[in-house]
Amino acid sequence: MPNFNQITTFLSQKVVGIAGAGGLGSNCAAALVRSGIGKLIIADFDTVSPANLNRQFYFHDQIGMNKVDALRENLLRISPMALLQIHNTKVSPENISLLFSVCDVVVEAFDDAFQKQMLIEYMLAVHPDIPLVAASGMAGYGNREQLVVIKSNNLYVCGDGSSEVSEDNPPMAPRVGIVSNMEADVVIEILLSKANLN
């Protein structure tokens, strides 16, 4: 069994991409920085709004900031030496390869179903060798036993696969946090499965 120093040394050499810096992406990024991932490449075009504060890794005084700038600020408070490459841009088929082709693993962290589908289809078609960790179904509360990871080749989907966001089923911090941390845990599991640390 590898020790903590071996694990962190190995993870410090890895690059992880995160597409989206909302509830999933911001919390997943925090977990990965705390775990010692060497470099994060994060892309998002949105700004922090008051409605984000109930589940995203931002603070009241960051309202109005670009999410990627606010997230960089917060992640560097966790680890001042973290290597962060941020892009204040909307992820599209035209820039996915430019953003994420150098990554060891990519995390899909969108809240828009069309964006999710676009990234998944592009990565599976163009970069099938790069593991993609996605999320589906995290709205509401409770039913934790339904949150699972489903693997299909190099695609890993975290969540319950069905709990869609609606007025009656809003995204809430606990479930979003669980799924974002599931994504981070799967990233680490994928990376360490390829390590020879014994």
N, C-alpha and C. Protein backbone atom coordinates (compact mmCIF):
# COMPACT_ATOMS: atom_id res chain seq x y z
N MET A 1 0.85 -1.19 0.00
CA MET A 1 0.00 0.00 0.00
C MET A 1 0.89 1.24 0.00
N PRO A 2 0.73 2.15 -0.96
CA PRO A 2 1.55 3.36 -1.01
C PRO A 2 1.24 4.29 0.16
N ASN A 3 2.26 5.04 0.61
CA ASN A 3 2.01 5.97 1.70
C ASN A 3 1.56 7.32 1.16
N PHE A 4 1.19 8.22 2.07
CA PHE A 4 0.63 9.51 1.67
C PHE A 4 1.62 10.32 0.84
N ASN A 5 2.88 10.30 1.22
CA ASN A 5 3.89 11.06 0.46
C ASN A 5 4.03 10.55 -0.96
N GLN A 6 4.00 9.24 -1.14
CA GLN A 6 4.07 8.67 -2.49
C GLN A 6 2.87 9.10 -3.33
N ILE A 7 1.70 9.06 -2.72
CA ILE A 7 0.48 9.43 -3.44
C ILE A 7 0.53 10.89 -3.85
N THR A 8 0.86 11.79 -2.90
CA THR A 8 0.86 13.22 -3.22
C THR A 8 1.95 13.57 -4.22
N THR A 9 3.08 12.89 -4.15
CA THR A 9 4.14 13.14 -5.13
C THR A 9 3.66 12.76 -6.53
N PHE A 10 2.99 11.62 -6.62
CA PHE A 10 2.47 11.18 -7.92
C PHE A 10 1.40 12.13 -8.44
N LEU A 11 0.45 12.50 -7.58
CA LEU A 11 -0.64 13.38 -8.01
C LEU A 11 -0.13 14.77 -8.40
N SER A 12 0.97 15.19 -7.79
CA SER A 12 1.51 16.52 -8.10
C SER A 12 2.03 16.63 -9.52
N GLN A 13 2.16 15.50 -10.20
CA GLN A 13 2.65 15.49 -11.58
C GLN A 13 1.51 15.41 -12.59
N LYS A 14 0.28 15.45 -12.14
CA LYS A 14 -0.87 15.24 -13.01
C LYS A 14 -1.62 16.53 -13.32
N VAL A 15 -2.28 16.54 -14.49
CA VAL A 15 -3.04 17.69 -14.96
C VAL A 15 -4.50 17.27 -15.12
N VAL A 16 -5.39 18.03 -14.50
CA VAL A 16 -6.82 17.74 -14.58
C VAL A 16 -7.55 18.96 -15.13
N GLY A 17 -8.42 18.75 -16.11
CA GLY A 17 -9.23 19.81 -16.67
C GLY A 17 -10.62 19.81 -16.05
N ILE A 18 -11.17 20.99 -15.84
CA ILE A 18 -12.52 21.12 -15.31
C ILE A 18 -13.30 22.06 -16.21
N ALA A 19 -14.33 21.54 -16.84
CA ALA A 19 -15.19 22.33 -17.73
C ALA A 19 -16.40 22.79 -16.95
N GLY A 20 -16.37 24.04 -16.50
CA GLY A 20 -17.44 24.59 -15.70
C GLY A 20 -16.96 24.87 -14.29
N ALA A 21 -17.32 26.05 -13.75
CA ALA A 21 -16.86 26.44 -12.41
C ALA A 21 -18.04 26.81 -11.52
N GLY A 22 -19.15 26.08 -11.67
CA GLY A 22 -20.31 26.30 -10.83
C GLY A 22 -20.28 25.40 -9.62
N GLY A 23 -21.46 24.86 -9.24
CA GLY A 23 -21.53 24.03 -8.04
C GLY A 23 -20.65 22.81 -8.12
N LEU A 24 -20.66 22.13 -9.24
CA LEU A 24 -19.81 20.95 -9.40
C LEU A 24 -18.35 21.34 -9.55
N GLY A 25 -18.06 22.21 -10.50
CA GLY A 25 -16.67 22.52 -10.83
C GLY A 25 -15.91 23.20 -9.72
N SER A 26 -16.54 24.18 -9.04
CA SER A 26 -15.82 24.91 -7.99
C SER A 26 -15.52 24.01 -6.80
N ASN A 27 -16.47 23.18 -6.41
CA ASN A 27 -16.25 22.28 -5.28
C ASN A 27 -15.32 21.13 -5.62
N CYS A 28 -15.41 20.62 -6.84
CA CYS A 28 -14.50 19.57 -7.28
C CYS A 28 -13.07 20.11 -7.31
N ALA A 29 -12.90 21.33 -7.81
CA ALA A 29 -11.57 21.95 -7.86
C ALA A 29 -10.97 22.08 -6.48
N ALA A 30 -11.78 22.49 -5.51
CA ALA A 30 -11.28 22.62 -4.14
C ALA A 30 -10.80 21.28 -3.61
N ALA A 31 -11.57 20.22 -3.85
CA ALA A 31 -11.18 18.89 -3.39
C ALA A 31 -9.90 18.42 -4.05
N LEU A 32 -9.75 18.72 -5.34
CA LEU A 32 -8.55 18.29 -6.06
C LEU A 32 -7.31 19.06 -5.61
N VAL A 33 -7.46 20.36 -5.35
CA VAL A 33 -6.33 21.13 -4.84
C VAL A 33 -5.93 20.61 -3.46
N ARG A 34 -6.90 20.33 -2.61
CA ARG A 34 -6.60 19.79 -1.28
C ARG A 34 -5.92 18.42 -1.38
N SER A 35 -6.18 17.70 -2.47
CA SER A 35 -5.60 16.37 -2.66
C SER A 35 -4.22 16.42 -3.31
N GLY A 36 -3.78 17.60 -3.74
CA GLY A 36 -2.43 17.74 -4.26
C GLY A 36 -2.28 17.56 -5.75
N ILE A 37 -3.39 17.66 -6.52
CA ILE A 37 -3.25 17.58 -7.98
C ILE A 37 -2.30 18.67 -8.45
N GLY A 38 -1.41 18.35 -9.36
CA GLY A 38 -0.35 19.27 -9.76
C GLY A 38 -0.83 20.50 -10.49
N LYS A 39 -1.76 20.33 -11.44
CA LYS A 39 -2.22 21.47 -12.22
C LYS A 39 -3.68 21.28 -12.58
N LEU A 40 -4.45 22.37 -12.44
CA LEU A 40 -5.84 22.37 -12.87
C LEU A 40 -6.00 23.36 -14.02
N ILE A 41 -6.71 22.93 -15.05
CA ILE A 41 -7.10 23.80 -16.15
C ILE A 41 -8.61 23.96 -16.06
N ILE A 42 -9.06 25.19 -15.79
CA ILE A 42 -10.48 25.44 -15.50
C ILE A 42 -11.02 26.45 -16.50
N ALA A 43 -12.18 26.14 -17.09
CA ALA A 43 -12.80 27.04 -18.06
C ALA A 43 -14.26 27.29 -17.70
N ASP A 44 -14.64 28.57 -17.70
CA ASP A 44 -16.03 28.98 -17.46
C ASP A 44 -16.14 30.44 -17.88
N PHE A 45 -17.31 30.85 -18.33
CA PHE A 45 -17.50 32.22 -18.81
C PHE A 45 -18.44 33.03 -17.91
N ASP A 46 -18.95 32.43 -16.85
CA ASP A 46 -19.99 33.05 -16.05
C ASP A 46 -19.41 33.91 -14.93
N THR A 47 -20.28 34.70 -14.28
CA THR A 47 -19.89 35.50 -13.13
C THR A 47 -20.62 35.01 -11.89
N VAL A 48 -20.07 35.33 -10.74
CA VAL A 48 -20.67 34.92 -9.46
C VAL A 48 -21.91 35.77 -9.20
N SER A 49 -23.02 35.10 -8.88
CA SER A 49 -24.26 35.80 -8.56
C SER A 49 -24.71 35.40 -7.15
N PRO A 50 -25.60 36.19 -6.54
CA PRO A 50 -26.09 35.83 -5.20
C PRO A 50 -26.71 34.43 -5.17
N ALA A 51 -27.36 34.03 -6.24
CA ALA A 51 -28.01 32.71 -6.28
C ALA A 51 -27.01 31.57 -6.26
N ASN A 52 -25.74 31.85 -6.56
CA ASN A 52 -24.71 30.79 -6.58
C ASN A 52 -24.24 30.42 -5.17
N LEU A 53 -24.42 31.31 -4.21
CA LEU A 53 -23.76 31.15 -2.92
C LEU A 53 -24.33 30.03 -2.08
N ASN A 54 -25.49 29.48 -2.47
CA ASN A 54 -26.07 28.39 -1.67
C ASN A 54 -25.42 27.05 -1.95
N ARG A 55 -24.54 26.97 -2.96
CA ARG A 55 -23.96 25.66 -3.27
C ARG A 55 -22.59 25.73 -3.95
N GLN A 56 -22.11 26.90 -4.28
CA GLN A 56 -20.86 27.03 -5.02
C GLN A 56 -19.77 27.60 -4.12
N PHE A 57 -18.52 27.32 -4.46
CA PHE A 57 -17.38 27.69 -3.61
C PHE A 57 -16.97 29.14 -3.86
N TYR A 58 -17.90 30.03 -3.53
CA TYR A 58 -17.66 31.46 -3.65
C TYR A 58 -18.20 32.16 -2.41
N PHE A 59 -17.89 33.46 -2.31
CA PHE A 59 -18.26 34.22 -1.12
C PHE A 59 -18.96 35.51 -1.52
N HIS A 60 -19.68 36.10 -0.56
CA HIS A 60 -20.53 37.24 -0.84
C HIS A 60 -19.76 38.39 -1.47
N ASP A 61 -18.53 38.63 -1.02
CA ASP A 61 -17.76 39.75 -1.56
C ASP A 61 -17.21 39.48 -2.96
N GLN A 62 -17.48 38.28 -3.49
CA GLN A 62 -17.04 37.95 -4.86
C GLN A 62 -18.17 38.07 -5.88
N ILE A 63 -19.35 38.47 -5.44
CA ILE A 63 -20.47 38.63 -6.37
C ILE A 63 -20.07 39.63 -7.46
N GLY A 64 -20.33 39.25 -8.71
CA GLY A 64 -19.98 40.08 -9.85
C GLY A 64 -18.64 39.74 -10.49
N MET A 65 -17.80 39.00 -9.78
CA MET A 65 -16.50 38.60 -10.34
C MET A 65 -16.69 37.48 -11.36
N ASN A 66 -15.77 37.37 -12.31
CA ASN A 66 -15.72 36.19 -13.15
C ASN A 66 -15.49 34.98 -12.26
N LYS A 67 -16.25 33.91 -12.48
CA LYS A 67 -16.11 32.74 -11.62
C LYS A 67 -14.69 32.20 -11.61
N VAL A 68 -14.04 32.17 -12.77
CA VAL A 68 -12.69 31.60 -12.79
C VAL A 68 -11.71 32.45 -11.99
N ASP A 69 -11.88 33.77 -11.99
CA ASP A 69 -11.00 34.64 -11.20
C ASP A 69 -11.27 34.46 -9.71
N ALA A 70 -12.55 34.39 -9.34
CA ALA A 70 -12.90 34.19 -7.93
C ALA A 70 -12.43 32.81 -7.46
N LEU A 71 -12.58 31.80 -8.32
CA LEU A 71 -12.16 30.45 -7.94
C LEU A 71 -10.66 30.38 -7.77
N ARG A 72 -9.92 31.01 -8.67
CA ARG A 72 -8.45 31.01 -8.52
C ARG A 72 -8.07 31.63 -7.16
N GLU A 73 -8.72 32.74 -6.83
CA GLU A 73 -8.46 33.41 -5.55
C GLU A 73 -8.70 32.46 -4.38
N ASN A 74 -9.81 31.73 -4.42
CA ASN A 74 -10.16 30.83 -3.33
C ASN A 74 -9.25 29.61 -3.27
N LEU A 75 -8.91 29.07 -4.42
CA LEU A 75 -8.04 27.89 -4.45
C LEU A 75 -6.63 28.22 -3.96
N LEU A 76 -6.16 29.42 -4.28
CA LEU A 76 -4.83 29.83 -3.82
C LEU A 76 -4.81 30.08 -2.32
N ARG A 77 -5.96 30.34 -1.73
CA ARG A 77 -6.02 30.44 -0.26
C ARG A 77 -5.87 29.06 0.37
N ILE A 78 -6.28 28.01 -0.35
CA ILE A 78 -6.07 26.64 0.14
C ILE A 78 -4.61 26.26 -0.02
N SER A 79 -4.07 26.52 -1.21
CA SER A 79 -2.70 26.12 -1.52
C SER A 79 -2.05 27.20 -2.39
N PRO A 80 -1.27 28.09 -1.78
CA PRO A 80 -0.66 29.20 -2.52
C PRO A 80 0.24 28.74 -3.67
N MET A 81 0.70 27.50 -3.62
CA MET A 81 1.58 26.99 -4.67
C MET A 81 0.83 26.25 -5.77
N ALA A 82 -0.49 26.19 -5.68
CA ALA A 82 -1.28 25.47 -6.70
C ALA A 82 -1.05 26.08 -8.08
N LEU A 83 -0.89 25.22 -9.06
CA LEU A 83 -0.71 25.66 -10.45
C LEU A 83 -2.07 25.65 -11.13
N LEU A 84 -2.56 26.84 -11.46
CA LEU A 84 -3.91 26.98 -12.00
C LEU A 84 -3.86 27.71 -13.33
N GLN A 85 -4.43 27.09 -14.34
CA GLN A 85 -4.56 27.73 -15.65
C GLN A 85 -6.04 27.97 -15.87
N ILE A 86 -6.45 29.23 -15.85
CA ILE A 86 -7.88 29.53 -15.95
C ILE A 86 -8.19 30.21 -17.27
N HIS A 87 -9.39 29.95 -17.75
CA HIS A 87 -9.85 30.50 -19.02
C HIS A 87 -11.26 31.05 -18.84
N ASN A 88 -11.40 32.36 -18.97
CA ASN A 88 -12.72 32.97 -18.88
C ASN A 88 -13.38 32.90 -20.27
N THR A 89 -13.87 31.71 -20.57
CA THR A 89 -14.40 31.46 -21.91
C THR A 89 -15.47 30.39 -21.85
N LYS A 90 -16.37 30.40 -22.81
CA LYS A 90 -17.37 29.35 -22.91
C LYS A 90 -16.76 28.15 -23.64
N VAL A 91 -16.89 26.98 -23.06
CA VAL A 91 -16.36 25.77 -23.67
C VAL A 91 -17.23 25.39 -24.86
N SER A 92 -16.59 25.14 -26.00
CA SER A 92 -17.30 24.81 -27.24
C SER A 92 -16.49 23.81 -28.03
N PRO A 93 -17.08 23.18 -29.04
CA PRO A 93 -16.30 22.24 -29.86
C PRO A 93 -15.07 22.89 -30.48
N GLU A 94 -15.09 24.20 -30.66
CA GLU A 94 -13.97 24.90 -31.28
C GLU A 94 -12.77 25.02 -30.35
N ASN A 95 -12.99 24.95 -29.02
CA ASN A 95 -11.84 25.14 -28.13
C ASN A 95 -11.58 24.00 -27.15
N ILE A 96 -12.38 22.95 -27.18
CA ILE A 96 -12.19 21.85 -26.22
C ILE A 96 -10.79 21.27 -26.30
N SER A 97 -10.33 20.99 -27.50
CA SER A 97 -8.99 20.39 -27.65
C SER A 97 -7.90 21.35 -27.19
N LEU A 98 -8.05 22.63 -27.51
CA LEU A 98 -7.07 23.62 -27.08
C LEU A 98 -7.00 23.68 -25.55
N LEU A 99 -8.14 23.56 -24.92
CA LEU A 99 -8.20 23.65 -23.46
C LEU A 99 -7.72 22.40 -22.76
N PHE A 100 -8.16 21.23 -23.23
CA PHE A 100 -8.07 20.03 -22.41
C PHE A 100 -7.28 18.86 -22.99
N SER A 101 -6.71 18.99 -24.16
CA SER A 101 -6.03 17.83 -24.77
C SER A 101 -4.80 17.39 -24.00
N VAL A 102 -4.22 18.26 -23.17
CA VAL A 102 -3.02 17.90 -22.40
C VAL A 102 -3.37 17.28 -21.05
N CYS A 103 -4.65 17.14 -20.74
CA CYS A 103 -5.06 16.68 -19.42
C CYS A 103 -4.97 15.16 -19.28
N ASP A 104 -4.69 14.73 -18.06
CA ASP A 104 -4.72 13.30 -17.75
C ASP A 104 -6.15 12.82 -17.54
N VAL A 105 -7.00 13.70 -17.02
CA VAL A 105 -8.43 13.43 -16.81
C VAL A 105 -9.16 14.75 -17.01
N VAL A 106 -10.39 14.69 -17.54
CA VAL A 106 -11.22 15.88 -17.67
C VAL A 106 -12.50 15.67 -16.88
N VAL A 107 -12.94 16.74 -16.19
CA VAL A 107 -14.18 16.71 -15.42
C VAL A 107 -15.22 17.56 -16.13
N GLU A 108 -16.38 16.98 -16.39
CA GLU A 108 -17.53 17.73 -16.91
C GLU A 108 -18.30 18.25 -15.72
N ALA A 109 -18.46 19.60 -15.66
CA ALA A 109 -19.10 20.20 -14.50
C ALA A 109 -20.10 21.29 -14.91
N PHE A 110 -20.86 21.01 -15.94
CA PHE A 110 -21.86 21.97 -16.43
C PHE A 110 -23.19 21.75 -15.74
N ASP A 111 -24.01 22.82 -15.69
CA ASP A 111 -25.38 22.64 -15.21
C ASP A 111 -26.38 22.64 -16.37
N ASP A 112 -25.89 22.86 -17.56
CA ASP A 112 -26.73 22.89 -18.75
C ASP A 112 -26.65 21.55 -19.48
N ALA A 113 -27.80 20.92 -19.73
CA ALA A 113 -27.81 19.59 -20.33
C ALA A 113 -27.19 19.58 -21.72
N PHE A 114 -27.42 20.63 -22.51
CA PHE A 114 -26.84 20.69 -23.85
C PHE A 114 -25.32 20.75 -23.77
N GLN A 115 -24.80 21.56 -22.86
CA GLN A 115 -23.35 21.66 -22.70
C GLN A 115 -22.76 20.33 -22.27
N LYS A 116 -23.45 19.65 -21.34
CA LYS A 116 -22.98 18.34 -20.90
C LYS A 116 -22.86 17.38 -22.08
N GLN A 117 -23.93 17.30 -22.86
CA GLN A 117 -23.95 16.38 -23.99
C GLN A 117 -22.88 16.74 -25.01
N MET A 118 -22.71 18.02 -25.26
CA MET A 118 -21.72 18.48 -26.24
C MET A 118 -20.32 18.05 -25.82
N LEU A 119 -19.97 18.28 -24.56
CA LEU A 119 -18.62 17.93 -24.10
C LEU A 119 -18.40 16.43 -24.11
N ILE A 120 -19.38 15.68 -23.63
CA ILE A 120 -19.24 14.23 -23.58
C ILE A 120 -19.07 13.66 -24.99
N GLU A 121 -19.92 14.08 -25.91
CA GLU A 121 -19.84 13.56 -27.27
C GLU A 121 -18.50 13.93 -27.92
N TYR A 122 -18.05 15.15 -27.70
CA TYR A 122 -16.78 15.59 -28.30
C TYR A 122 -15.61 14.78 -27.73
N MET A 123 -15.55 14.67 -26.42
CA MET A 123 -14.42 13.97 -25.80
C MET A 123 -14.39 12.50 -26.20
N LEU A 124 -15.55 11.85 -26.23
CA LEU A 124 -15.58 10.43 -26.60
C LEU A 124 -15.18 10.23 -28.05
N ALA A 125 -15.50 11.20 -28.92
CA ALA A 125 -15.18 11.06 -30.34
C ALA A 125 -13.75 11.47 -30.65
N VAL A 126 -13.28 12.56 -30.05
CA VAL A 126 -11.99 13.15 -30.43
C VAL A 126 -10.86 12.74 -29.48
N HIS A 127 -11.18 12.58 -28.20
CA HIS A 127 -10.16 12.23 -27.19
C HIS A 127 -10.61 11.03 -26.37
N PRO A 128 -10.86 9.90 -27.02
CA PRO A 128 -11.39 8.75 -26.28
C PRO A 128 -10.41 8.17 -25.26
N ASP A 129 -9.13 8.51 -25.38
CA ASP A 129 -8.14 7.98 -24.44
C ASP A 129 -8.03 8.80 -23.16
N ILE A 130 -8.66 9.97 -23.13
CA ILE A 130 -8.64 10.79 -21.92
C ILE A 130 -9.88 10.46 -21.10
N PRO A 131 -9.72 9.95 -19.88
CA PRO A 131 -10.91 9.67 -19.06
C PRO A 131 -11.73 10.93 -18.82
N LEU A 132 -13.05 10.80 -18.89
CA LEU A 132 -13.97 11.91 -18.68
C LEU A 132 -14.89 11.56 -17.51
N VAL A 133 -14.89 12.42 -16.49
CA VAL A 133 -15.73 12.22 -15.31
C VAL A 133 -16.86 13.24 -15.38
N ALA A 134 -18.09 12.76 -15.48
CA ALA A 134 -19.26 13.63 -15.65
C ALA A 134 -20.22 13.45 -14.48
N ALA A 135 -21.28 14.27 -14.48
CA ALA A 135 -22.30 14.18 -13.43
C ALA A 135 -23.68 14.27 -14.04
N SER A 136 -24.60 13.54 -13.43
CA SER A 136 -25.99 13.57 -13.89
C SER A 136 -26.90 13.19 -12.72
N GLY A 137 -27.78 14.11 -12.34
CA GLY A 137 -28.74 13.79 -11.28
C GLY A 137 -28.23 14.07 -9.89
N MET A 138 -28.34 15.35 -9.45
CA MET A 138 -27.89 15.70 -8.10
C MET A 138 -28.81 16.70 -7.42
N ALA A 139 -29.94 17.00 -8.05
CA ALA A 139 -30.85 18.01 -7.50
C ALA A 139 -31.55 17.49 -6.24
N GLY A 140 -32.07 18.43 -5.47
CA GLY A 140 -32.86 18.08 -4.30
C GLY A 140 -32.03 17.69 -3.09
N TYR A 141 -32.56 16.79 -2.28
CA TYR A 141 -31.89 16.37 -1.04
C TYR A 141 -32.27 14.92 -0.76
N GLY A 142 -31.53 14.31 0.14
CA GLY A 142 -31.82 12.92 0.52
C GLY A 142 -31.50 11.93 -0.59
N ASN A 143 -31.98 10.71 -0.41
CA ASN A 143 -31.78 9.63 -1.39
C ASN A 143 -30.29 9.45 -1.73
N ARG A 144 -29.43 9.56 -0.72
CA ARG A 144 -27.99 9.46 -0.96
C ARG A 144 -27.60 8.10 -1.51
N GLU A 145 -28.37 7.07 -1.13
CA GLU A 145 -28.01 5.72 -1.59
C GLU A 145 -28.15 5.57 -3.10
N GLN A 146 -28.84 6.51 -3.74
CA GLN A 146 -29.00 6.46 -5.20
C GLN A 146 -27.84 7.11 -5.94
N LEU A 147 -26.94 7.77 -5.21
CA LEU A 147 -25.79 8.42 -5.85
C LEU A 147 -24.70 7.39 -6.08
N VAL A 148 -24.43 7.12 -7.33
CA VAL A 148 -23.49 6.06 -7.71
C VAL A 148 -22.58 6.56 -8.83
N VAL A 149 -21.60 5.75 -9.16
CA VAL A 149 -20.73 6.01 -10.31
C VAL A 149 -20.97 4.91 -11.33
N ILE A 150 -21.33 5.31 -12.53
CA ILE A 150 -21.53 4.35 -13.62
C ILE A 150 -20.42 4.55 -14.63
N LYS A 151 -19.73 3.46 -14.95
CA LYS A 151 -18.59 3.51 -15.87
C LYS A 151 -18.95 2.87 -17.20
N SER A 152 -18.57 3.54 -18.29
CA SER A 152 -18.72 2.99 -19.63
C SER A 152 -17.47 3.35 -20.41
N ASN A 153 -16.59 2.38 -20.59
CA ASN A 153 -15.29 2.62 -21.21
C ASN A 153 -14.55 3.71 -20.42
N ASN A 154 -14.26 4.85 -21.06
CA ASN A 154 -13.51 5.91 -20.39
C ASN A 154 -14.42 7.03 -19.88
N LEU A 155 -15.73 6.77 -19.78
CA LEU A 155 -16.68 7.74 -19.26
C LEU A 155 -17.20 7.27 -17.91
N TYR A 156 -17.13 8.15 -16.92
CA TYR A 156 -17.59 7.86 -15.57
C TYR A 156 -18.66 8.90 -15.23
N VAL A 157 -19.85 8.46 -14.86
CA VAL A 157 -20.94 9.39 -14.57
C VAL A 157 -21.34 9.24 -13.11
N CYS A 158 -21.26 10.35 -12.36
CA CYS A 158 -21.59 10.38 -10.94
C CYS A 158 -22.97 11.01 -10.74
N GLY A 159 -23.74 10.46 -9.82
CA GLY A 159 -25.05 11.01 -9.50
C GLY A 159 -26.10 9.92 -9.51
N ASP A 160 -27.36 10.33 -9.56
CA ASP A 160 -28.42 9.31 -9.62
C ASP A 160 -28.99 9.16 -11.03
N GLY A 161 -28.51 10.02 -11.95
CA GLY A 161 -28.91 9.90 -13.34
C GLY A 161 -30.30 10.39 -13.67
N SER A 162 -31.04 10.89 -12.66
CA SER A 162 -32.43 11.24 -12.96
C SER A 162 -32.94 12.50 -12.28
N SER A 163 -32.34 12.93 -11.19
CA SER A 163 -32.88 14.07 -10.43
C SER A 163 -32.56 15.39 -11.14
N GLU A 164 -33.47 15.84 -11.97
CA GLU A 164 -33.27 17.07 -12.71
C GLU A 164 -33.67 18.28 -11.87
N VAL A 165 -32.94 19.38 -12.11
CA VAL A 165 -33.24 20.62 -11.40
C VAL A 165 -34.57 21.19 -11.88
N SER A 166 -35.41 21.58 -10.93
CA SER A 166 -36.68 22.24 -11.25
C SER A 166 -37.03 23.15 -10.08
N GLU A 167 -38.12 23.89 -10.22
CA GLU A 167 -38.55 24.78 -9.14
C GLU A 167 -38.87 23.99 -7.88
N ASP A 168 -39.39 22.78 -8.06
CA ASP A 168 -39.74 21.93 -6.92
C ASP A 168 -38.58 21.06 -6.46
N ASN A 169 -37.50 21.05 -7.23
CA ASN A 169 -36.36 20.18 -6.91
C ASN A 169 -35.06 20.95 -7.19
N PRO A 170 -34.78 21.98 -6.39
CA PRO A 170 -33.63 22.84 -6.66
C PRO A 170 -32.31 22.16 -6.31
N PRO A 171 -31.22 22.64 -6.88
CA PRO A 171 -29.91 22.13 -6.47
C PRO A 171 -29.57 22.67 -5.08
N MET A 172 -29.21 21.78 -4.17
CA MET A 172 -28.90 22.19 -2.80
C MET A 172 -27.48 21.77 -2.44
N ALA A 173 -26.88 22.53 -1.54
CA ALA A 173 -25.46 22.36 -1.24
C ALA A 173 -25.04 20.93 -0.89
N PRO A 174 -25.77 20.21 -0.02
CA PRO A 174 -25.28 18.88 0.37
C PRO A 174 -25.14 17.91 -0.80
N ARG A 175 -26.20 17.78 -1.61
CA ARG A 175 -26.14 16.81 -2.71
C ARG A 175 -25.17 17.25 -3.79
N VAL A 176 -25.15 18.54 -4.12
CA VAL A 176 -24.19 19.03 -5.11
C VAL A 176 -22.78 18.79 -4.60
N GLY A 177 -22.57 19.04 -3.30
CA GLY A 177 -21.25 18.81 -2.72
C GLY A 177 -20.85 17.35 -2.75
N ILE A 178 -21.79 16.47 -2.46
CA ILE A 178 -21.49 15.02 -2.50
C ILE A 178 -21.06 14.61 -3.91
N VAL A 179 -21.83 15.02 -4.91
CA VAL A 179 -21.53 14.59 -6.28
C VAL A 179 -20.23 15.22 -6.78
N SER A 180 -19.98 16.49 -6.44
CA SER A 180 -18.73 17.12 -6.87
C SER A 180 -17.54 16.42 -6.23
N ASN A 181 -17.69 16.00 -4.98
CA ASN A 181 -16.60 15.27 -4.33
C ASN A 181 -16.49 13.84 -4.86
N MET A 182 -17.62 13.26 -5.28
CA MET A 182 -17.55 11.97 -5.97
C MET A 182 -16.71 12.11 -7.24
N GLU A 183 -16.95 13.19 -7.99
CA GLU A 183 -16.17 13.41 -9.21
C GLU A 183 -14.68 13.51 -8.89
N ALA A 184 -14.34 14.28 -7.85
CA ALA A 184 -12.94 14.42 -7.47
C ALA A 184 -12.36 13.08 -7.05
N ASP A 185 -13.13 12.29 -6.32
CA ASP A 185 -12.66 10.99 -5.86
C ASP A 185 -12.42 10.05 -7.03
N VAL A 186 -13.31 10.09 -8.02
CA VAL A 186 -13.13 9.25 -9.21
C VAL A 186 -11.88 9.68 -9.98
N VAL A 187 -11.65 10.99 -10.08
CA VAL A 187 -10.43 11.48 -10.74
C VAL A 187 -9.20 10.88 -10.07
N ILE A 188 -9.14 10.96 -8.75
CA ILE A 188 -7.98 10.44 -8.02
C ILE A 188 -7.87 8.93 -8.20
N GLU A 189 -9.00 8.24 -8.15
CA GLU A 189 -9.00 6.79 -8.35
C GLU A 189 -8.46 6.42 -9.73
N ILE A 190 -8.89 7.15 -10.76
CA ILE A 190 -8.39 6.89 -12.11
C ILE A 190 -6.89 7.10 -12.19
N LEU A 191 -6.43 8.22 -11.66
CA LEU A 191 -5.00 8.53 -11.72
C LEU A 191 -4.17 7.50 -10.97
N LEU A 192 -4.60 7.16 -9.77
CA LEU A 192 -3.81 6.22 -8.96
C LEU A 192 -3.88 4.81 -9.49
N SER A 193 -4.92 4.48 -10.26
CA SER A 193 -5.00 3.14 -10.85
C SER A 193 -3.89 2.92 -11.88
N LYS A 194 -3.33 4.04 -12.37
CA LYS A 194 -2.27 3.95 -13.37
C LYS A 194 -0.89 4.14 -12.76
N ALA A 195 -0.86 4.28 -11.42
CA ALA A 195 0.42 4.52 -10.74
C ALA A 195 1.05 3.20 -10.34
N ASN A 196 2.37 3.17 -10.29
CA ASN A 196 3.10 2.00 -9.80
C ASN A 196 3.87 2.47 -8.58
N LEU A 197 3.17 2.49 -7.44
CA LEU A 197 3.76 3.09 -6.23
C LEU A 197 4.23 2.08 -5.22
N ASN A 198 4.14 0.80 -5.50
CA ASN A 198 4.55 -0.21 -4.53
C ASN A 198 6.05 -0.45 -4.56
